[in-house]
N, C-alpha and C. Protein backbone atom coordinates (compact mmCIF):
# COMPACT_ATOMS: atom_id res chain seq x y z
N UNK A 1 -29.69 -58.51 -40.11
CA UNK A 1 -30.91 -58.39 -40.62
C UNK A 1 -31.86 -58.26 -39.12
N UNK A 2 -31.09 -57.84 -37.85
CA UNK A 2 -31.63 -56.64 -36.91
C UNK A 2 -31.90 -55.01 -37.48
N UNK A 3 -30.86 -54.78 -38.33
CA UNK A 3 -30.40 -53.83 -39.01
C UNK A 3 -32.15 -52.92 -40.03
N UNK A 4 -32.70 -53.58 -40.58
CA UNK A 4 -33.53 -53.71 -41.42
C UNK A 4 -34.37 -53.59 -41.00
N UNK A 5 -35.21 -53.79 -39.99
CA UNK A 5 -36.49 -53.19 -39.30
C UNK A 5 -36.06 -52.13 -38.47
N UNK A 6 -35.30 -51.53 -38.21
CA UNK A 6 -35.01 -49.91 -37.73
C UNK A 6 -35.46 -49.12 -38.24
N UNK A 7 -35.71 -48.45 -38.32
CA UNK A 7 -35.78 -47.16 -39.55
C UNK A 7 -36.41 -45.49 -38.02
N UNK A 8 -35.74 -45.02 -38.51
CA UNK A 8 -34.68 -43.74 -38.15
C UNK A 8 -35.93 -42.82 -38.44
N UNK A 9 -36.28 -42.24 -37.51
CA UNK A 9 -37.51 -41.47 -37.27
C UNK A 9 -36.77 -40.16 -37.18
N UNK A 10 -36.81 -39.14 -37.60
CA UNK A 10 -36.57 -37.68 -37.07
C UNK A 10 -37.67 -36.50 -37.58
N UNK A 11 -37.89 -35.43 -36.33
CA UNK A 11 -38.89 -34.85 -36.76
C UNK A 11 -38.60 -34.40 -35.76
N UNK A 12 -39.35 -33.01 -36.00
CA UNK A 12 -38.92 -31.84 -34.84
C UNK A 12 -40.39 -31.13 -34.18
N UNK A 13 -40.60 -31.53 -33.28
CA UNK A 13 -42.19 -31.49 -32.21
C UNK A 13 -42.43 -29.91 -32.48
N UNK A 14 -41.32 -29.05 -32.60
CA UNK A 14 -41.79 -27.33 -32.80
C UNK A 14 -43.37 -27.46 -33.87
N UNK A 15 -42.00 -27.96 -35.00
CA UNK A 15 -42.74 -28.30 -36.75
C UNK A 15 -44.72 -28.57 -36.85
N UNK A 16 -44.57 -29.83 -35.91
CA UNK A 16 -45.44 -30.66 -35.82
C UNK A 16 -47.07 -29.71 -34.83
N UNK A 17 -46.04 -29.00 -33.56
CA UNK A 17 -46.90 -28.08 -33.22
C UNK A 17 -48.09 -27.60 -33.72
N UNK A 18 -46.91 -26.28 -34.70
CA UNK A 18 -46.94 -25.03 -35.73
C UNK A 18 -48.18 -25.87 -36.35
N UNK A 19 -47.59 -26.62 -37.30
CA UNK A 19 -49.04 -27.07 -38.30
C UNK A 19 -49.80 -27.37 -37.70
N UNK A 20 -49.73 -28.47 -36.65
CA UNK A 20 -51.09 -28.76 -36.10
C UNK A 20 -52.21 -27.56 -35.86
N UNK A 21 -51.56 -26.36 -35.36
CA UNK A 21 -51.92 -24.57 -34.99
C UNK A 21 -52.37 -24.15 -35.83
N UNK A 22 -51.54 -24.19 -36.97
CA UNK A 22 -52.21 -23.34 -37.79
C UNK A 22 -52.71 -24.28 -38.57
N UNK A 23 -53.30 -25.20 -38.88
CA UNK A 23 -54.62 -26.37 -38.95
C UNK A 23 -55.67 -25.70 -38.91
N UNK A 24 -55.72 -25.84 -37.66
CA UNK A 24 -56.79 -25.20 -36.13
C UNK A 24 -56.92 -24.43 -36.94
N UNK A 25 -56.52 -22.78 -36.78
CA UNK A 25 -57.12 -21.47 -37.33
C UNK A 25 -57.07 -21.42 -38.71
N UNK A 26 -57.09 -22.51 -40.16
CA UNK A 26 -57.27 -22.26 -41.34
C UNK A 26 -59.33 -23.21 -40.44
N UNK A 27 -59.67 -23.76 -40.36
CA UNK A 27 -60.45 -24.81 -40.48
C UNK A 27 -61.69 -24.17 -39.38
N UNK A 28 -60.97 -23.31 -38.57
CA UNK A 28 -61.84 -22.06 -37.48
C UNK A 28 -62.19 -21.19 -38.13
N UNK A 29 -61.46 -21.10 -39.56
CA UNK A 29 -62.07 -19.63 -40.11
C UNK A 29 -63.21 -19.93 -41.21
N UNK A 30 -63.08 -20.92 -41.85
CA UNK A 30 -63.54 -21.62 -42.66
C UNK A 30 -64.39 -22.00 -41.73
N UNK A 31 -65.08 -22.30 -41.09
CA UNK A 31 -66.02 -22.74 -40.05
C UNK A 31 -66.99 -21.32 -39.49
N UNK A 32 -66.18 -20.80 -38.96
CA UNK A 32 -67.29 -19.32 -38.65
C UNK A 32 -67.71 -18.64 -39.93
N UNK A 33 -66.96 -18.06 -41.09
CA UNK A 33 -67.02 -18.37 -42.05
C UNK A 33 -68.51 -18.78 -43.00
N UNK A 34 -68.47 -20.22 -42.32
CA UNK A 34 -69.60 -21.11 -43.10
C UNK A 34 -71.01 -20.89 -42.56
N UNK A 35 -70.99 -20.81 -40.63
CA UNK A 35 -71.71 -19.98 -39.19
C UNK A 35 -72.41 -18.32 -40.22
N UNK A 36 -71.22 -17.57 -40.55
CA UNK A 36 -71.55 -16.44 -40.72
C UNK A 36 -72.71 -16.08 -42.17
N UNK A 37 -72.78 -17.18 -43.41
CA UNK A 37 -72.87 -17.18 -44.54
C UNK A 37 -74.42 -17.86 -43.41
N UNK A 38 -74.70 -18.76 -42.85
CA UNK A 38 -75.99 -19.04 -42.55
C UNK A 38 -76.86 -18.82 -42.09
N UNK A 39 -76.17 -17.55 -41.16
CA UNK A 39 -76.85 -16.60 -40.28
C UNK A 39 -77.28 -16.33 -41.40
N UNK A 40 -76.16 -14.96 -42.05
CA UNK A 40 -77.16 -14.44 -43.02
C UNK A 40 -78.00 -14.54 -44.05
N UNK A 41 -78.24 -15.97 -44.28
CA UNK A 41 -79.25 -16.76 -45.35
C UNK A 41 -80.17 -16.81 -44.46
N UNK A 42 -80.48 -17.27 -42.84
CA UNK A 42 -81.62 -16.99 -41.65
C UNK A 42 -82.60 -15.47 -41.85
N UNK A 43 -81.54 -14.41 -41.32
CA UNK A 43 -81.82 -13.33 -41.73
C UNK A 43 -82.55 -12.53 -42.65
N UNK A 44 -82.36 -13.20 -43.68
CA UNK A 44 -83.02 -12.90 -44.89
C UNK A 44 -83.89 -13.38 -45.37
N UNK A 45 -84.10 -14.74 -45.04
CA UNK A 45 -85.85 -15.56 -44.53
C UNK A 45 -86.48 -15.06 -43.89
N UNK A 46 -85.65 -14.28 -42.65
CA UNK A 46 -86.67 -14.40 -41.48
C UNK A 46 -87.59 -12.95 -42.18
N UNK A 47 -86.50 -11.71 -43.07
CA UNK A 47 -87.43 -10.50 -42.85
C UNK A 47 -88.74 -11.01 -44.06
N UNK A 48 -88.22 -11.73 -44.47
CA UNK A 48 -88.79 -12.04 -46.34
C UNK A 48 -90.38 -12.72 -45.65
N UNK A 49 -89.89 -13.37 -44.31
CA UNK A 49 -91.48 -14.10 -43.74
C UNK A 49 -92.11 -13.30 -43.31
N UNK A 50 -91.28 -11.77 -42.12
CA UNK A 50 -91.54 -10.89 -42.25
C UNK A 50 -92.84 -9.77 -43.20
N UNK A 51 -91.93 -9.82 -44.18
CA UNK A 51 -93.12 -8.99 -45.11
C UNK A 51 -94.32 -9.99 -45.68
N UNK A 52 -93.94 -11.33 -45.56
CA UNK A 52 -94.53 -11.94 -46.13
C UNK A 52 -96.38 -11.91 -45.40
N UNK A 53 -96.23 -11.82 -44.12
CA UNK A 53 -96.54 -12.34 -43.05
C UNK A 53 -97.78 -10.16 -42.96
N UNK A 54 -97.01 -9.60 -43.50
CA UNK A 54 -97.65 -8.49 -43.11
C UNK A 54 -98.53 -7.85 -44.63
N UNK A 55 -97.91 -8.25 -46.03
CA UNK A 55 -98.63 -9.03 -46.90
C UNK A 55 -100.02 -9.49 -46.56
N UNK A 56 -99.82 -11.20 -46.21
CA UNK A 56 -101.51 -11.56 -45.52
C UNK A 56 -101.97 -10.45 -45.03
N UNK A 57 -101.63 -9.94 -43.17
CA UNK A 57 -102.39 -9.21 -42.72
C UNK A 57 -102.85 -7.44 -43.76
N UNK A 58 -102.73 -6.94 -44.54
CA UNK A 58 -102.98 -6.24 -45.78
C UNK A 58 -103.90 -6.83 -46.33
N UNK A 59 -103.89 -8.17 -47.21
CA UNK A 59 -104.70 -7.95 -47.37
C UNK A 59 -105.75 -8.97 -46.80
N UNK A 60 -106.58 -9.21 -45.48
CA UNK A 60 -107.02 -9.25 -45.01
C UNK A 60 -108.23 -8.85 -44.35
N UNK A 61 -107.24 -6.94 -43.82
CA UNK A 61 -108.05 -5.77 -44.20
C UNK A 61 -108.41 -5.71 -44.55
N UNK A 62 -108.14 -5.27 -46.68
CA UNK A 62 -109.35 -5.25 -47.33
C UNK A 62 -109.90 -5.72 -47.42
N UNK A 63 -109.91 -7.26 -47.47
CA UNK A 63 -111.17 -8.06 -47.42
C UNK A 63 -112.46 -8.02 -46.08
N UNK A 64 -111.73 -8.19 -45.28
CA UNK A 64 -112.67 -6.99 -43.93
C UNK A 64 -113.25 -5.53 -44.25
N UNK A 65 -112.39 -4.86 -44.68
CA UNK A 65 -113.47 -3.39 -44.95
C UNK A 65 -113.78 -4.16 -46.79
N UNK A 66 -114.55 -4.04 -46.74
CA UNK A 66 -114.39 -5.36 -48.58
C UNK A 66 -115.58 -4.74 -47.91
N UNK A 67 -116.16 -6.19 -47.42
CA UNK A 67 -116.76 -7.45 -46.80
C UNK A 67 -117.89 -6.19 -45.59
N UNK A 68 -117.15 -5.32 -45.37
CA UNK A 68 -118.04 -4.50 -44.80
C UNK A 68 -118.76 -3.55 -44.74
N UNK A 69 -118.00 -2.70 -46.17
CA UNK A 69 -118.58 -2.06 -46.92
C UNK A 69 -120.51 -2.43 -47.83
N UNK A 70 -119.69 -4.26 -48.24
CA UNK A 70 -120.68 -4.80 -48.58
C UNK A 70 -122.22 -4.57 -48.13
N UNK A 71 -121.78 -4.46 -46.90
CA UNK A 71 -123.10 -5.27 -45.52
C UNK A 71 -123.76 -3.69 -45.75
N UNK A 72 -123.34 -2.79 -46.06
CA UNK A 72 -123.15 -1.02 -45.86
C UNK A 72 -123.90 -1.09 -46.89
N UNK A 73 -125.34 -0.54 -47.74
CA UNK A 73 -125.01 -0.34 -49.52
C UNK A 73 -125.32 0.89 -48.45
N UNK A 74 -124.45 1.76 -49.93
CA UNK A 74 -124.19 3.35 -49.99
C UNK A 74 -125.98 4.20 -50.52
N UNK A 75 -127.12 3.09 -50.57
CA UNK A 75 -128.10 4.12 -50.52
C UNK A 75 -129.31 3.29 -50.08
N UNK A 76 -129.70 3.83 -48.92
CA UNK A 76 -130.11 3.97 -47.97
C UNK A 76 -131.45 3.50 -48.49
N UNK A 77 -132.65 2.01 -48.92
CA UNK A 77 -132.72 1.26 -49.55
C UNK A 77 -134.70 0.79 -48.37
N UNK A 78 -135.20 1.91 -48.59
CA UNK A 78 -137.38 1.41 -48.41
C UNK A 78 -137.37 0.63 -48.59
N UNK A 79 -137.88 -0.94 -47.52
CA UNK A 79 -138.80 -2.03 -48.50
C UNK A 79 -139.93 -1.37 -48.40
N UNK A 80 -141.35 -1.75 -49.18
CA UNK A 80 -142.30 -1.69 -49.40
C UNK A 80 -143.30 -2.71 -48.62
N UNK A 81 -143.04 -3.61 -48.70
CA UNK A 81 -143.60 -4.91 -48.44
C UNK A 81 -144.03 -5.41 -46.80
N UNK A 82 -142.66 -4.96 -46.42
CA UNK A 82 -142.93 -4.77 -44.86
C UNK A 82 -143.87 -4.07 -44.25
N UNK A 83 -143.61 -2.53 -44.78
CA UNK A 83 -144.91 -1.99 -43.60
C UNK A 83 -146.38 -2.60 -43.98
N UNK A 84 -146.38 -3.17 -45.45
CA UNK A 84 -147.63 -3.15 -45.37
C UNK A 84 -148.07 -4.41 -44.55
N UNK A 85 -147.02 -5.46 -44.44
CA UNK A 85 -147.24 -6.43 -43.26
C UNK A 85 -147.82 -6.34 -42.05
N UNK A 86 -146.39 -5.42 -41.52
CA UNK A 86 -147.45 -4.71 -40.20
C UNK A 86 -148.22 -4.46 -40.24
N UNK A 87 -148.92 -3.46 -40.95
CA UNK A 87 -149.80 -2.98 -40.55
C UNK A 87 -151.21 -4.20 -40.83
N UNK A 88 -150.76 -5.39 -41.47
CA UNK A 88 -151.73 -6.37 -41.43
C UNK A 88 -151.59 -7.46 -40.62
N UNK A 89 -150.55 -7.18 -39.67
CA UNK A 89 -150.04 -7.70 -38.24
C UNK A 89 -150.90 -6.57 -37.17
N UNK A 90 -150.87 -6.04 -37.85
CA UNK A 90 -151.51 -4.52 -36.47
C UNK A 90 -152.91 -5.15 -36.45
N UNK A 91 -153.58 -4.86 -37.06
CA UNK A 91 -154.23 -5.22 -37.34
C UNK A 91 -155.51 -6.44 -36.79
N UNK A 92 -154.63 -7.64 -37.11
CA UNK A 92 -155.61 -8.67 -36.28
C UNK A 92 -155.20 -8.61 -35.15
N UNK A 93 -155.85 -9.61 -34.34
CA UNK A 93 -155.65 -8.95 -32.71
C UNK A 93 -155.37 -10.28 -32.91
N UNK A 94 -154.11 -10.91 -31.62
CA UNK A 94 -153.76 -12.24 -31.28
C UNK A 94 -154.82 -12.70 -31.40
N UNK A 95 -154.04 -14.64 -31.24
CA UNK A 95 -155.05 -15.95 -31.04
C UNK A 95 -155.55 -16.00 -29.97
N UNK A 96 -154.32 -15.87 -29.12
CA UNK A 96 -155.34 -15.94 -27.51
C UNK A 96 -156.56 -14.90 -27.20
N UNK A 97 -156.71 -13.44 -27.46
CA UNK A 97 -157.62 -12.97 -27.28
C UNK A 97 -158.31 -12.96 -28.17
N UNK A 98 -158.97 -13.78 -29.21
CA UNK A 98 -159.56 -14.15 -29.98
C UNK A 98 -160.14 -15.22 -29.51
N UNK A 99 -159.46 -16.57 -28.83
CA UNK A 99 -160.78 -17.06 -27.85
C UNK A 99 -160.81 -16.93 -26.80
N UNK A 100 -159.62 -16.29 -26.35
CA UNK A 100 -160.90 -15.89 -24.95
C UNK A 100 -162.59 -14.61 -25.80
N UNK A 101 -162.62 -14.02 -26.64
CA UNK A 101 -163.83 -12.99 -26.89
C UNK A 101 -164.55 -14.23 -27.72
N UNK A 102 -163.69 -15.36 -27.78
CA UNK A 102 -165.06 -16.73 -28.37
C UNK A 102 -165.65 -17.13 -27.69
N UNK A 103 -165.22 -17.63 -26.71
CA UNK A 103 -165.47 -18.56 -25.44
C UNK A 103 -166.29 -18.01 -24.62
N UNK A 104 -166.06 -16.07 -24.87
CA UNK A 104 -167.10 -15.09 -24.04
C UNK A 104 -168.75 -15.33 -24.41
N UNK A 105 -168.31 -15.16 -25.75
CA UNK A 105 -169.94 -14.89 -26.52
C UNK A 105 -170.25 -16.59 -26.34
N UNK A 106 -169.70 -17.26 -26.63
CA UNK A 106 -170.68 -18.84 -26.65
C UNK A 106 -171.37 -19.34 -25.12
N UNK A 107 -170.16 -18.14 -24.12
CA UNK A 107 -171.16 -18.38 -22.89
C UNK A 107 -172.35 -18.00 -22.63
N UNK A 108 -172.20 -16.57 -22.77
CA UNK A 108 -173.75 -15.12 -23.00
C UNK A 108 -174.79 -16.24 -24.19
N UNK A 109 -174.55 -17.11 -25.44
CA UNK A 109 -175.05 -17.01 -26.27
C UNK A 109 -176.39 -18.74 -25.29
N UNK A 110 -175.27 -19.84 -24.56
CA UNK A 110 -175.78 -20.31 -23.55
C UNK A 110 -176.50 -19.73 -23.02
N UNK A 111 -176.39 -18.63 -22.19
CA UNK A 111 -176.80 -18.10 -20.98
C UNK A 111 -178.69 -17.57 -22.02
N UNK A 112 -178.16 -17.04 -22.95
CA UNK A 112 -179.63 -16.54 -22.98
C UNK A 112 -180.35 -17.47 -23.71
N UNK A 113 -179.96 -18.28 -24.64
CA UNK A 113 -181.18 -19.37 -25.13
C UNK A 113 -181.53 -20.41 -24.05
N UNK A 114 -180.93 -20.55 -22.76
CA UNK A 114 -181.36 -21.15 -21.29
C UNK A 114 -182.08 -19.84 -20.87
């Protein structure tokens, strides 16, 4: 009965060590190829982002140029109404001077009447 429980295992340690080394090399090769593909994909995405950012900057520059061009008219325009308003404002004395003149006139009238 004791003979049935005993199983004789024979294996070569060199073979096991060799298989482990080969499987480690295969695993390393697979993982390094995956990493290489991922790095390549990251580089592609970085290039795409740089191109997109450059395009955005170009569009913003064009927008600023257009806004500057719209602010500065190509043909100079001389406003006619503002020159008349300025002349009318120059003819009228300021309020402080008018009050002072009215106050002096009232005082002179009071002196003459007394």
